[in-house]
């Protein structure tokens, strides 16, 4: 699908709340088509939460048929256990997309905030306010994880809107390495 007609699914991974947001780009116009959160706190077992993340991500892919996935990378904090859980949530969402052959791009929280607000240290509220202004969405405190996910999708759009159709997307390591054998260290 050409870069000027596509659907991007953005995900803000989390094991308690996972945000998602979808945008449709048509003729270089961006329209939000869905956003929300998946609340997982009612599940005590981490593996059950990860299963729900996988299933819901598959459900979003089947419902909206996105062409690409933009996902927020785990940030490096002091709590190693939190980082590990967040990395697992991200990995499960990525695995769901890969299982449906959806190309994935990961963005750091700073990169997303910079793309949306011009400030890499912006708060969730500032990101939400800018998206509200840019896309005309309603800003609700409960959905800050959803607007973060929408921010990931918008960041992906901003990063790729001037590339034309020359950018190659890959659905996994095997595809990437077959096109880039020079990247393998021997």
N, C-alpha and C. Protein backbone atom coordinates (compact mmCIF):
# COMPACT_ATOMS: atom_id res chain seq x y z
N UNK A 1 0.85 -1.18 0.00
CA UNK A 1 0.00 0.00 0.00
C UNK A 1 0.89 1.24 0.00
N UNK A 2 0.56 2.25 -0.80
CA UNK A 2 1.40 3.45 -0.82
C UNK A 2 1.41 4.16 0.53
N UNK A 3 2.48 4.89 0.78
CA UNK A 3 2.61 5.58 2.06
C UNK A 3 1.53 6.63 2.27
N UNK A 4 0.88 7.10 1.20
CA UNK A 4 -0.13 8.13 1.38
C UNK A 4 -1.53 7.55 1.55
N UNK A 5 -1.66 6.23 1.65
CA UNK A 5 -2.94 5.58 1.96
C UNK A 5 -2.66 4.35 2.80
N UNK A 6 -2.70 4.54 4.10
CA UNK A 6 -2.36 3.44 5.00
C UNK A 6 -2.96 3.67 6.37
N UNK A 7 -2.96 2.61 7.14
CA UNK A 7 -3.43 2.65 8.53
C UNK A 7 -2.25 2.29 9.42
N UNK A 8 -2.04 3.10 10.44
CA UNK A 8 -0.96 2.86 11.40
C UNK A 8 -1.58 2.60 12.77
N UNK A 9 -1.18 1.48 13.37
CA UNK A 9 -1.58 1.15 14.73
C UNK A 9 -0.44 1.55 15.66
N UNK A 10 -0.74 2.38 16.63
CA UNK A 10 0.24 2.76 17.64
C UNK A 10 -0.08 2.06 18.95
N UNK A 11 0.95 1.61 19.64
CA UNK A 11 0.75 0.93 20.93
C UNK A 11 1.68 1.51 21.97
N UNK A 12 1.10 1.80 23.13
CA UNK A 12 1.85 2.18 24.33
C UNK A 12 1.75 0.97 25.26
N UNK A 13 2.79 0.12 25.27
CA UNK A 13 2.69 -1.15 26.00
C UNK A 13 2.67 -0.96 27.51
N UNK A 14 2.01 -1.87 28.17
CA UNK A 14 1.97 -1.88 29.63
C UNK A 14 1.33 -3.16 30.10
N UNK A 15 1.69 -3.61 31.30
CA UNK A 15 1.10 -4.83 31.83
C UNK A 15 -0.10 -4.54 32.74
N UNK A 16 -0.33 -3.27 33.06
CA UNK A 16 -1.51 -2.89 33.83
C UNK A 16 -2.52 -2.20 32.90
N UNK A 17 -2.02 -1.27 32.09
CA UNK A 17 -2.84 -0.60 31.08
C UNK A 17 -2.02 -0.52 29.80
N UNK A 18 -2.61 -0.99 28.71
CA UNK A 18 -1.99 -0.86 27.40
C UNK A 18 -2.84 0.09 26.58
N UNK A 19 -2.21 1.11 26.01
CA UNK A 19 -2.94 2.04 25.16
C UNK A 19 -2.77 1.68 23.71
N UNK A 20 -3.80 1.99 22.91
CA UNK A 20 -3.69 1.81 21.47
C UNK A 20 -4.38 2.98 20.77
N UNK A 21 -3.87 3.29 19.60
CA UNK A 21 -4.46 4.36 18.78
C UNK A 21 -4.20 4.06 17.32
N UNK A 22 -5.18 4.35 16.49
CA UNK A 22 -5.06 4.08 15.06
C UNK A 22 -5.35 5.34 14.26
N UNK A 23 -4.54 5.53 13.23
CA UNK A 23 -4.76 6.65 12.31
C UNK A 23 -4.82 6.11 10.89
N UNK A 24 -5.60 6.79 10.07
CA UNK A 24 -5.67 6.47 8.64
C UNK A 24 -5.10 7.66 7.89
N UNK A 25 -4.13 7.39 7.03
CA UNK A 25 -3.54 8.43 6.20
C UNK A 25 -4.08 8.22 4.79
N UNK A 26 -4.69 9.25 4.25
CA UNK A 26 -5.20 9.20 2.89
C UNK A 26 -4.93 10.55 2.25
N UNK A 27 -4.21 10.53 1.14
CA UNK A 27 -3.82 11.77 0.46
C UNK A 27 -3.13 12.74 1.41
N UNK A 28 -2.24 12.20 2.25
CA UNK A 28 -1.47 12.97 3.24
C UNK A 28 -2.32 13.69 4.27
N UNK A 29 -3.56 13.24 4.46
CA UNK A 29 -4.41 13.75 5.54
C UNK A 29 -4.54 12.66 6.57
N UNK A 30 -4.41 13.05 7.84
CA UNK A 30 -4.45 12.10 8.94
C UNK A 30 -5.81 12.17 9.63
N UNK A 31 -6.43 11.02 9.79
CA UNK A 31 -7.70 10.93 10.51
C UNK A 31 -7.58 9.86 11.58
N UNK A 32 -7.91 10.21 12.84
CA UNK A 32 -7.93 9.18 13.88
C UNK A 32 -9.11 8.25 13.64
N UNK A 33 -8.89 6.94 13.76
CA UNK A 33 -10.00 6.00 13.54
C UNK A 33 -10.32 5.15 14.76
N UNK A 34 -9.51 5.25 15.78
CA UNK A 34 -9.80 4.52 17.00
C UNK A 34 -8.71 4.70 18.03
N UNK A 35 -9.10 4.72 19.27
CA UNK A 35 -8.13 4.73 20.37
C UNK A 35 -8.81 4.23 21.62
N UNK A 36 -8.02 3.69 22.50
CA UNK A 36 -8.56 3.18 23.74
C UNK A 36 -7.49 2.55 24.59
N UNK A 37 -7.93 1.95 25.67
CA UNK A 37 -7.01 1.28 26.59
C UNK A 37 -7.52 -0.13 26.89
N UNK A 38 -6.58 -0.97 27.19
CA UNK A 38 -6.89 -2.32 27.64
C UNK A 38 -6.45 -2.38 29.09
N UNK A 39 -7.42 -2.55 29.97
CA UNK A 39 -7.13 -2.59 31.41
C UNK A 39 -6.89 -4.03 31.84
N UNK A 40 -5.74 -4.24 32.45
CA UNK A 40 -5.32 -5.60 32.78
C UNK A 40 -5.15 -5.84 34.28
N UNK A 41 -5.45 -4.83 35.10
CA UNK A 41 -5.18 -4.97 36.54
C UNK A 41 -6.02 -6.07 37.19
N UNK A 42 -7.12 -6.47 36.58
CA UNK A 42 -7.96 -7.51 37.19
C UNK A 42 -7.34 -8.90 37.10
N UNK A 43 -6.31 -9.05 36.28
CA UNK A 43 -5.63 -10.33 36.14
C UNK A 43 -4.39 -10.33 37.04
N UNK A 44 -4.34 -11.25 37.99
CA UNK A 44 -3.22 -11.30 38.94
C UNK A 44 -1.95 -11.89 38.32
N UNK A 45 -2.11 -12.82 37.42
CA UNK A 45 -0.99 -13.55 36.84
C UNK A 45 -0.42 -12.80 35.64
N UNK A 46 0.88 -12.52 35.65
CA UNK A 46 1.52 -11.79 34.56
C UNK A 46 1.36 -12.53 33.23
N UNK A 47 1.48 -13.84 33.25
CA UNK A 47 1.37 -14.59 31.99
C UNK A 47 -0.03 -14.46 31.41
N UNK A 48 -1.05 -14.36 32.23
CA UNK A 48 -2.41 -14.16 31.74
C UNK A 48 -2.56 -12.75 31.15
N UNK A 49 -1.92 -11.78 31.78
CA UNK A 49 -1.93 -10.41 31.23
C UNK A 49 -1.27 -10.38 29.85
N UNK A 50 -0.14 -11.07 29.72
CA UNK A 50 0.57 -11.11 28.44
C UNK A 50 -0.28 -11.80 27.38
N UNK A 51 -0.98 -12.84 27.76
CA UNK A 51 -1.89 -13.53 26.83
C UNK A 51 -2.98 -12.57 26.35
N UNK A 52 -3.55 -11.80 27.28
CA UNK A 52 -4.61 -10.84 26.93
C UNK A 52 -4.06 -9.75 25.99
N UNK A 53 -2.81 -9.30 26.23
CA UNK A 53 -2.19 -8.30 25.34
C UNK A 53 -2.07 -8.88 23.94
N UNK A 54 -1.60 -10.11 23.85
CA UNK A 54 -1.45 -10.76 22.54
C UNK A 54 -2.80 -10.87 21.84
N UNK A 55 -3.80 -11.38 22.56
CA UNK A 55 -5.12 -11.57 21.96
C UNK A 55 -5.76 -10.25 21.54
N UNK A 56 -5.64 -9.24 22.36
CA UNK A 56 -6.26 -7.94 22.02
C UNK A 56 -5.53 -7.28 20.86
N UNK A 57 -4.21 -7.43 20.80
CA UNK A 57 -3.46 -6.87 19.67
C UNK A 57 -3.87 -7.58 18.38
N UNK A 58 -4.01 -8.89 18.41
CA UNK A 58 -4.49 -9.64 17.25
C UNK A 58 -5.89 -9.14 16.87
N UNK A 59 -6.74 -8.94 17.86
CA UNK A 59 -8.09 -8.45 17.62
C UNK A 59 -8.10 -7.09 16.93
N UNK A 60 -7.23 -6.19 17.39
CA UNK A 60 -7.14 -4.86 16.77
C UNK A 60 -6.67 -4.98 15.33
N UNK A 61 -5.70 -5.86 15.09
CA UNK A 61 -5.18 -6.05 13.73
C UNK A 61 -6.27 -6.61 12.82
N UNK A 62 -7.03 -7.58 13.32
CA UNK A 62 -8.09 -8.16 12.50
C UNK A 62 -9.23 -7.18 12.26
N UNK A 63 -9.52 -6.33 13.24
CA UNK A 63 -10.61 -5.36 13.09
C UNK A 63 -10.25 -4.20 12.17
N UNK A 64 -9.06 -3.62 12.35
CA UNK A 64 -8.70 -2.40 11.63
C UNK A 64 -7.78 -2.62 10.43
N UNK A 65 -7.17 -3.79 10.34
CA UNK A 65 -6.27 -4.13 9.23
C UNK A 65 -5.17 -3.09 9.01
N UNK A 66 -4.37 -2.80 10.06
CA UNK A 66 -3.30 -1.80 9.90
C UNK A 66 -2.20 -2.30 8.96
N UNK A 67 -1.55 -1.34 8.32
CA UNK A 67 -0.44 -1.65 7.43
C UNK A 67 0.88 -1.66 8.19
N UNK A 68 0.92 -0.96 9.33
CA UNK A 68 2.16 -0.82 10.10
C UNK A 68 1.83 -0.70 11.58
N UNK A 69 2.81 -1.06 12.41
CA UNK A 69 2.69 -0.90 13.86
C UNK A 69 3.82 0.01 14.33
N UNK A 70 3.47 1.02 15.09
CA UNK A 70 4.45 1.89 15.75
C UNK A 70 4.28 1.64 17.25
N UNK A 71 5.37 1.30 17.92
CA UNK A 71 5.28 0.94 19.33
C UNK A 71 6.30 1.73 20.14
N UNK A 72 5.88 2.14 21.32
CA UNK A 72 6.79 2.87 22.20
C UNK A 72 7.76 1.88 22.85
N UNK A 73 9.03 2.23 22.81
CA UNK A 73 10.08 1.42 23.42
C UNK A 73 10.03 1.59 24.93
N UNK A 74 10.40 0.55 25.67
CA UNK A 74 10.48 0.71 27.13
C UNK A 74 11.53 1.77 27.48
N UNK A 75 11.22 2.59 28.45
CA UNK A 75 12.18 3.59 28.90
C UNK A 75 13.07 2.96 29.97
N UNK A 76 14.25 3.48 30.11
CA UNK A 76 15.19 2.94 31.08
C UNK A 76 15.01 3.66 32.40
N UNK A 77 14.52 2.92 33.37
CA UNK A 77 14.30 3.47 34.70
C UNK A 77 15.13 2.72 35.72
N UNK A 78 14.92 3.06 36.96
CA UNK A 78 15.70 2.44 38.02
C UNK A 78 15.11 1.10 38.46
N UNK A 79 13.81 0.89 38.24
CA UNK A 79 13.17 -0.34 38.67
C UNK A 79 13.30 -1.40 37.57
N UNK A 80 14.23 -2.32 37.77
CA UNK A 80 14.53 -3.34 36.77
C UNK A 80 13.32 -4.24 36.54
N UNK A 81 12.59 -4.61 37.59
CA UNK A 81 11.42 -5.48 37.44
C UNK A 81 10.35 -4.83 36.57
N UNK A 82 10.12 -3.54 36.76
CA UNK A 82 9.13 -2.83 35.94
C UNK A 82 9.57 -2.80 34.48
N UNK A 83 10.86 -2.58 34.25
CA UNK A 83 11.37 -2.57 32.87
C UNK A 83 11.21 -3.93 32.22
N UNK A 84 11.47 -5.00 32.96
CA UNK A 84 11.31 -6.34 32.41
C UNK A 84 9.86 -6.62 32.04
N UNK A 85 8.93 -6.25 32.91
CA UNK A 85 7.50 -6.46 32.63
C UNK A 85 7.08 -5.65 31.41
N UNK A 86 7.53 -4.41 31.32
CA UNK A 86 7.19 -3.56 30.19
C UNK A 86 7.77 -4.13 28.89
N UNK A 87 8.99 -4.62 28.96
CA UNK A 87 9.62 -5.24 27.80
C UNK A 87 8.87 -6.48 27.34
N UNK A 88 8.36 -7.25 28.29
CA UNK A 88 7.57 -8.43 27.94
C UNK A 88 6.27 -8.01 27.25
N UNK A 89 5.61 -6.99 27.78
CA UNK A 89 4.37 -6.50 27.17
C UNK A 89 4.64 -6.03 25.74
N UNK A 90 5.72 -5.30 25.57
CA UNK A 90 6.08 -4.82 24.24
C UNK A 90 6.38 -6.00 23.31
N UNK A 91 7.12 -6.97 23.79
CA UNK A 91 7.47 -8.13 22.99
C UNK A 91 6.26 -8.93 22.55
N UNK A 92 5.28 -9.07 23.42
CA UNK A 92 4.06 -9.80 23.08
C UNK A 92 3.27 -9.05 22.00
N UNK A 93 3.17 -7.73 22.12
CA UNK A 93 2.47 -6.94 21.10
C UNK A 93 3.21 -7.04 19.76
N UNK A 94 4.53 -6.99 19.80
CA UNK A 94 5.34 -7.13 18.58
C UNK A 94 5.13 -8.52 17.96
N UNK A 95 5.13 -9.55 18.80
CA UNK A 95 4.92 -10.91 18.30
C UNK A 95 3.55 -11.05 17.64
N UNK A 96 2.54 -10.42 18.21
CA UNK A 96 1.20 -10.47 17.61
C UNK A 96 1.23 -9.84 16.22
N UNK A 97 1.88 -8.68 16.10
CA UNK A 97 1.96 -8.01 14.79
C UNK A 97 2.77 -8.84 13.80
N UNK A 98 3.89 -9.39 14.24
CA UNK A 98 4.70 -10.22 13.35
C UNK A 98 3.93 -11.45 12.88
N UNK A 99 3.09 -12.01 13.76
CA UNK A 99 2.31 -13.19 13.37
C UNK A 99 1.31 -12.88 12.27
N UNK A 100 1.00 -11.59 12.10
CA UNK A 100 0.08 -11.15 11.04
C UNK A 100 0.83 -10.41 9.93
N UNK A 101 2.17 -10.54 9.93
CA UNK A 101 3.03 -9.91 8.90
C UNK A 101 2.90 -8.39 8.83
N UNK A 102 2.75 -7.77 9.98
CA UNK A 102 2.67 -6.31 10.07
C UNK A 102 4.06 -5.77 10.40
N UNK A 103 4.60 -4.88 9.56
CA UNK A 103 5.92 -4.28 9.87
C UNK A 103 5.85 -3.44 11.15
N UNK A 104 6.93 -3.50 11.91
CA UNK A 104 7.00 -2.83 13.21
C UNK A 104 8.11 -1.81 13.23
N UNK A 105 7.82 -0.67 13.84
CA UNK A 105 8.86 0.33 14.09
C UNK A 105 8.73 0.75 15.56
N UNK A 106 9.87 0.80 16.23
CA UNK A 106 9.91 1.15 17.64
C UNK A 106 10.45 2.57 17.78
N UNK A 107 9.82 3.35 18.66
CA UNK A 107 10.26 4.72 18.92
C UNK A 107 10.44 4.93 20.42
N UNK A 108 11.48 5.66 20.78
CA UNK A 108 11.70 5.97 22.19
C UNK A 108 10.63 6.98 22.65
N UNK A 109 10.31 6.98 23.93
CA UNK A 109 9.36 7.96 24.44
C UNK A 109 9.77 9.40 24.10
N UNK A 110 11.06 9.70 24.21
CA UNK A 110 11.55 11.05 23.88
C UNK A 110 11.29 11.41 22.42
N UNK A 111 11.53 10.45 21.51
CA UNK A 111 11.32 10.68 20.08
C UNK A 111 9.84 10.97 19.80
N UNK A 112 8.96 10.21 20.43
CA UNK A 112 7.52 10.41 20.25
C UNK A 112 7.12 11.79 20.76
N UNK A 113 7.55 12.12 21.97
CA UNK A 113 7.20 13.42 22.55
C UNK A 113 7.74 14.57 21.72
N UNK A 114 8.96 14.42 21.21
CA UNK A 114 9.57 15.44 20.37
C UNK A 114 8.77 15.61 19.08
N UNK A 115 8.36 14.50 18.48
CA UNK A 115 7.59 14.55 17.23
C UNK A 115 6.24 15.23 17.41
N UNK A 116 5.61 15.01 18.55
CA UNK A 116 4.26 15.53 18.78
C UNK A 116 4.28 16.95 19.31
N UNK A 117 5.15 17.23 20.29
CA UNK A 117 5.11 18.53 20.97
C UNK A 117 6.30 19.43 20.68
N UNK A 118 7.37 18.85 20.13
CA UNK A 118 8.59 19.63 19.94
C UNK A 118 9.47 19.63 21.18
N UNK A 119 9.03 18.89 22.23
CA UNK A 119 9.77 18.83 23.49
C UNK A 119 9.87 17.36 23.90
N UNK A 120 11.07 16.81 23.90
CA UNK A 120 11.28 15.42 24.26
C UNK A 120 11.00 15.09 25.70
N UNK A 121 10.82 16.11 26.54
CA UNK A 121 10.51 15.90 27.95
C UNK A 121 9.07 16.27 28.29
N UNK A 122 8.22 16.36 27.28
CA UNK A 122 6.82 16.74 27.50
C UNK A 122 6.11 15.71 28.37
N UNK A 123 5.08 16.15 29.06
CA UNK A 123 4.28 15.25 29.90
C UNK A 123 3.23 14.55 29.05
N UNK A 124 2.62 13.50 29.61
CA UNK A 124 1.53 12.81 28.93
C UNK A 124 0.40 13.79 28.62
N UNK A 125 0.14 14.70 29.55
CA UNK A 125 -0.92 15.69 29.36
C UNK A 125 -0.62 16.62 28.19
N UNK A 126 0.65 17.01 28.04
CA UNK A 126 1.03 17.88 26.92
C UNK A 126 0.90 17.15 25.58
N UNK A 127 1.27 15.88 25.55
CA UNK A 127 1.11 15.08 24.33
C UNK A 127 -0.37 14.99 23.98
N UNK A 128 -1.20 14.68 24.98
CA UNK A 128 -2.64 14.57 24.75
C UNK A 128 -3.22 15.89 24.25
N UNK A 129 -2.81 17.01 24.85
CA UNK A 129 -3.32 18.32 24.43
C UNK A 129 -2.94 18.64 22.99
N UNK A 130 -1.71 18.32 22.60
CA UNK A 130 -1.28 18.58 21.24
C UNK A 130 -2.05 17.71 20.24
N UNK A 131 -2.27 16.45 20.59
CA UNK A 131 -3.03 15.56 19.71
C UNK A 131 -4.49 16.00 19.63
N UNK A 132 -5.00 16.49 20.74
CA UNK A 132 -6.37 17.01 20.73
C UNK A 132 -6.47 18.17 19.74
N UNK A 133 -5.50 19.04 19.78
CA UNK A 133 -5.48 20.20 18.89
C UNK A 133 -5.25 19.79 17.43
N UNK A 134 -4.31 18.88 17.20
CA UNK A 134 -3.94 18.47 15.85
C UNK A 134 -5.01 17.61 15.18
N UNK A 135 -5.56 16.66 15.94
CA UNK A 135 -6.48 15.69 15.36
C UNK A 135 -7.94 15.90 15.74
N UNK A 136 -8.19 16.81 16.67
CA UNK A 136 -9.56 17.08 17.08
C UNK A 136 -10.17 15.98 17.94
N UNK A 137 -9.32 15.27 18.69
CA UNK A 137 -9.85 14.21 19.57
C UNK A 137 -10.22 14.80 20.92
N UNK A 138 -11.09 14.10 21.64
CA UNK A 138 -11.43 14.51 23.00
C UNK A 138 -10.32 14.11 23.95
N UNK A 139 -9.99 14.99 24.86
CA UNK A 139 -8.95 14.71 25.85
C UNK A 139 -9.62 14.28 27.14
N UNK A 140 -9.35 13.06 27.54
CA UNK A 140 -9.88 12.54 28.79
C UNK A 140 -8.72 11.98 29.60
N UNK A 141 -8.67 12.32 30.85
CA UNK A 141 -7.58 11.91 31.73
C UNK A 141 -7.39 10.40 31.71
N UNK A 142 -8.50 9.66 31.64
CA UNK A 142 -8.45 8.21 31.68
C UNK A 142 -7.70 7.61 30.49
N UNK A 143 -7.63 8.36 29.40
CA UNK A 143 -7.08 7.81 28.17
C UNK A 143 -5.69 8.33 27.82
N UNK A 144 -4.89 8.72 28.81
CA UNK A 144 -3.55 9.21 28.53
C UNK A 144 -2.67 8.12 27.91
N UNK A 145 -2.91 6.87 28.25
CA UNK A 145 -2.15 5.79 27.62
C UNK A 145 -2.58 5.63 26.16
N UNK A 146 -3.86 5.89 25.88
CA UNK A 146 -4.36 5.83 24.50
C UNK A 146 -3.77 6.96 23.67
N UNK A 147 -3.69 8.16 24.24
CA UNK A 147 -3.11 9.26 23.48
C UNK A 147 -1.60 9.08 23.31
N UNK A 148 -0.95 8.42 24.25
CA UNK A 148 0.47 8.09 24.06
C UNK A 148 0.62 7.14 22.87
N UNK A 149 -0.29 6.17 22.76
CA UNK A 149 -0.25 5.23 21.64
C UNK A 149 -0.54 5.95 20.33
N UNK A 150 -1.50 6.85 20.35
CA UNK A 150 -1.81 7.65 19.16
C UNK A 150 -0.59 8.50 18.80
N UNK A 151 0.13 8.97 19.82
CA UNK A 151 1.37 9.72 19.59
C UNK A 151 2.42 8.87 18.89
N UNK A 152 2.51 7.58 19.23
CA UNK A 152 3.45 6.68 18.55
C UNK A 152 3.08 6.56 17.07
N UNK A 153 1.79 6.42 16.79
CA UNK A 153 1.33 6.31 15.39
C UNK A 153 1.63 7.60 14.64
N UNK A 154 1.38 8.75 15.26
CA UNK A 154 1.64 10.04 14.61
C UNK A 154 3.14 10.24 14.40
N UNK A 155 3.94 9.85 15.38
CA UNK A 155 5.40 9.94 15.26
C UNK A 155 5.85 9.15 14.04
N UNK A 156 5.31 7.95 13.87
CA UNK A 156 5.66 7.11 12.72
C UNK A 156 5.27 7.81 11.42
N UNK A 157 4.11 8.40 11.40
CA UNK A 157 3.66 9.14 10.21
C UNK A 157 4.63 10.30 9.92
N UNK A 158 4.95 11.08 10.95
CA UNK A 158 5.85 12.23 10.75
C UNK A 158 7.24 11.78 10.28
N UNK A 159 7.72 10.66 10.80
CA UNK A 159 9.05 10.19 10.43
C UNK A 159 9.11 9.68 8.99
N UNK A 160 7.98 9.27 8.45
CA UNK A 160 7.96 8.61 7.14
C UNK A 160 7.20 9.35 6.05
N UNK A 161 6.58 10.48 6.37
CA UNK A 161 5.71 11.10 5.38
C UNK A 161 6.45 11.66 4.16
N UNK A 162 7.72 11.94 4.28
CA UNK A 162 8.46 12.51 3.15
C UNK A 162 9.35 11.48 2.44
N UNK A 163 9.18 10.23 2.78
CA UNK A 163 10.05 9.22 2.19
C UNK A 163 9.52 8.64 0.88
N UNK A 164 8.28 8.96 0.52
CA UNK A 164 7.70 8.38 -0.69
C UNK A 164 7.54 6.88 -0.49
N UNK A 165 7.64 6.12 -1.54
CA UNK A 165 7.48 4.68 -1.44
C UNK A 165 8.82 3.96 -1.41
N UNK A 166 9.91 4.69 -1.16
CA UNK A 166 11.23 4.07 -1.22
C UNK A 166 11.60 3.32 0.06
N UNK A 167 10.90 3.59 1.17
CA UNK A 167 11.24 2.94 2.43
C UNK A 167 10.80 1.48 2.42
N UNK A 168 11.71 0.62 2.76
CA UNK A 168 11.43 -0.81 2.80
C UNK A 168 11.06 -1.19 4.22
N UNK A 169 9.93 -1.85 4.38
CA UNK A 169 9.52 -2.36 5.68
C UNK A 169 9.76 -3.86 5.71
N UNK A 170 10.07 -4.37 6.90
CA UNK A 170 10.34 -5.78 7.05
C UNK A 170 9.39 -6.37 8.08
N UNK A 171 9.02 -7.61 7.87
CA UNK A 171 8.12 -8.29 8.79
C UNK A 171 8.86 -9.15 9.80
N UNK A 172 10.16 -9.18 9.72
CA UNK A 172 10.95 -9.95 10.68
C UNK A 172 12.41 -9.91 10.33
N UNK A 173 13.23 -10.52 11.21
CA UNK A 173 14.68 -10.51 11.02
C UNK A 173 15.08 -11.24 9.75
N UNK A 174 14.42 -12.34 9.46
CA UNK A 174 14.79 -13.14 8.29
C UNK A 174 14.67 -12.31 7.02
N UNK A 175 13.56 -11.59 6.87
CA UNK A 175 13.35 -10.75 5.69
C UNK A 175 14.39 -9.63 5.62
N UNK A 176 14.68 -9.02 6.76
CA UNK A 176 15.66 -7.94 6.81
C UNK A 176 17.04 -8.46 6.40
N UNK A 177 17.45 -9.58 7.00
CA UNK A 177 18.78 -10.10 6.73
C UNK A 177 18.93 -10.61 5.30
N UNK A 178 17.85 -11.13 4.70
CA UNK A 178 17.96 -11.59 3.31
C UNK A 178 18.18 -10.42 2.36
N UNK A 179 17.65 -9.23 2.70
CA UNK A 179 17.87 -8.04 1.88
C UNK A 179 19.14 -7.28 2.25
N UNK A 180 19.71 -7.60 3.41
CA UNK A 180 20.88 -6.88 3.91
C UNK A 180 21.96 -7.84 4.41
N UNK A 181 22.49 -8.70 3.56
CA UNK A 181 23.50 -9.67 4.03
C UNK A 181 24.76 -9.01 4.57
N UNK A 182 25.02 -7.76 4.16
CA UNK A 182 26.21 -7.06 4.64
C UNK A 182 26.11 -6.68 6.12
N UNK A 183 24.91 -6.80 6.71
CA UNK A 183 24.73 -6.44 8.11
C UNK A 183 25.11 -7.58 9.06
N UNK A 184 25.38 -8.74 8.51
CA UNK A 184 25.74 -9.90 9.33
C UNK A 184 27.23 -9.90 9.59
N UNK A 185 27.59 -9.90 10.87
CA UNK A 185 29.01 -9.97 11.23
C UNK A 185 29.43 -11.42 11.24
N UNK A 186 30.53 -11.69 10.59
CA UNK A 186 31.01 -13.08 10.53
C UNK A 186 32.28 -13.25 11.31
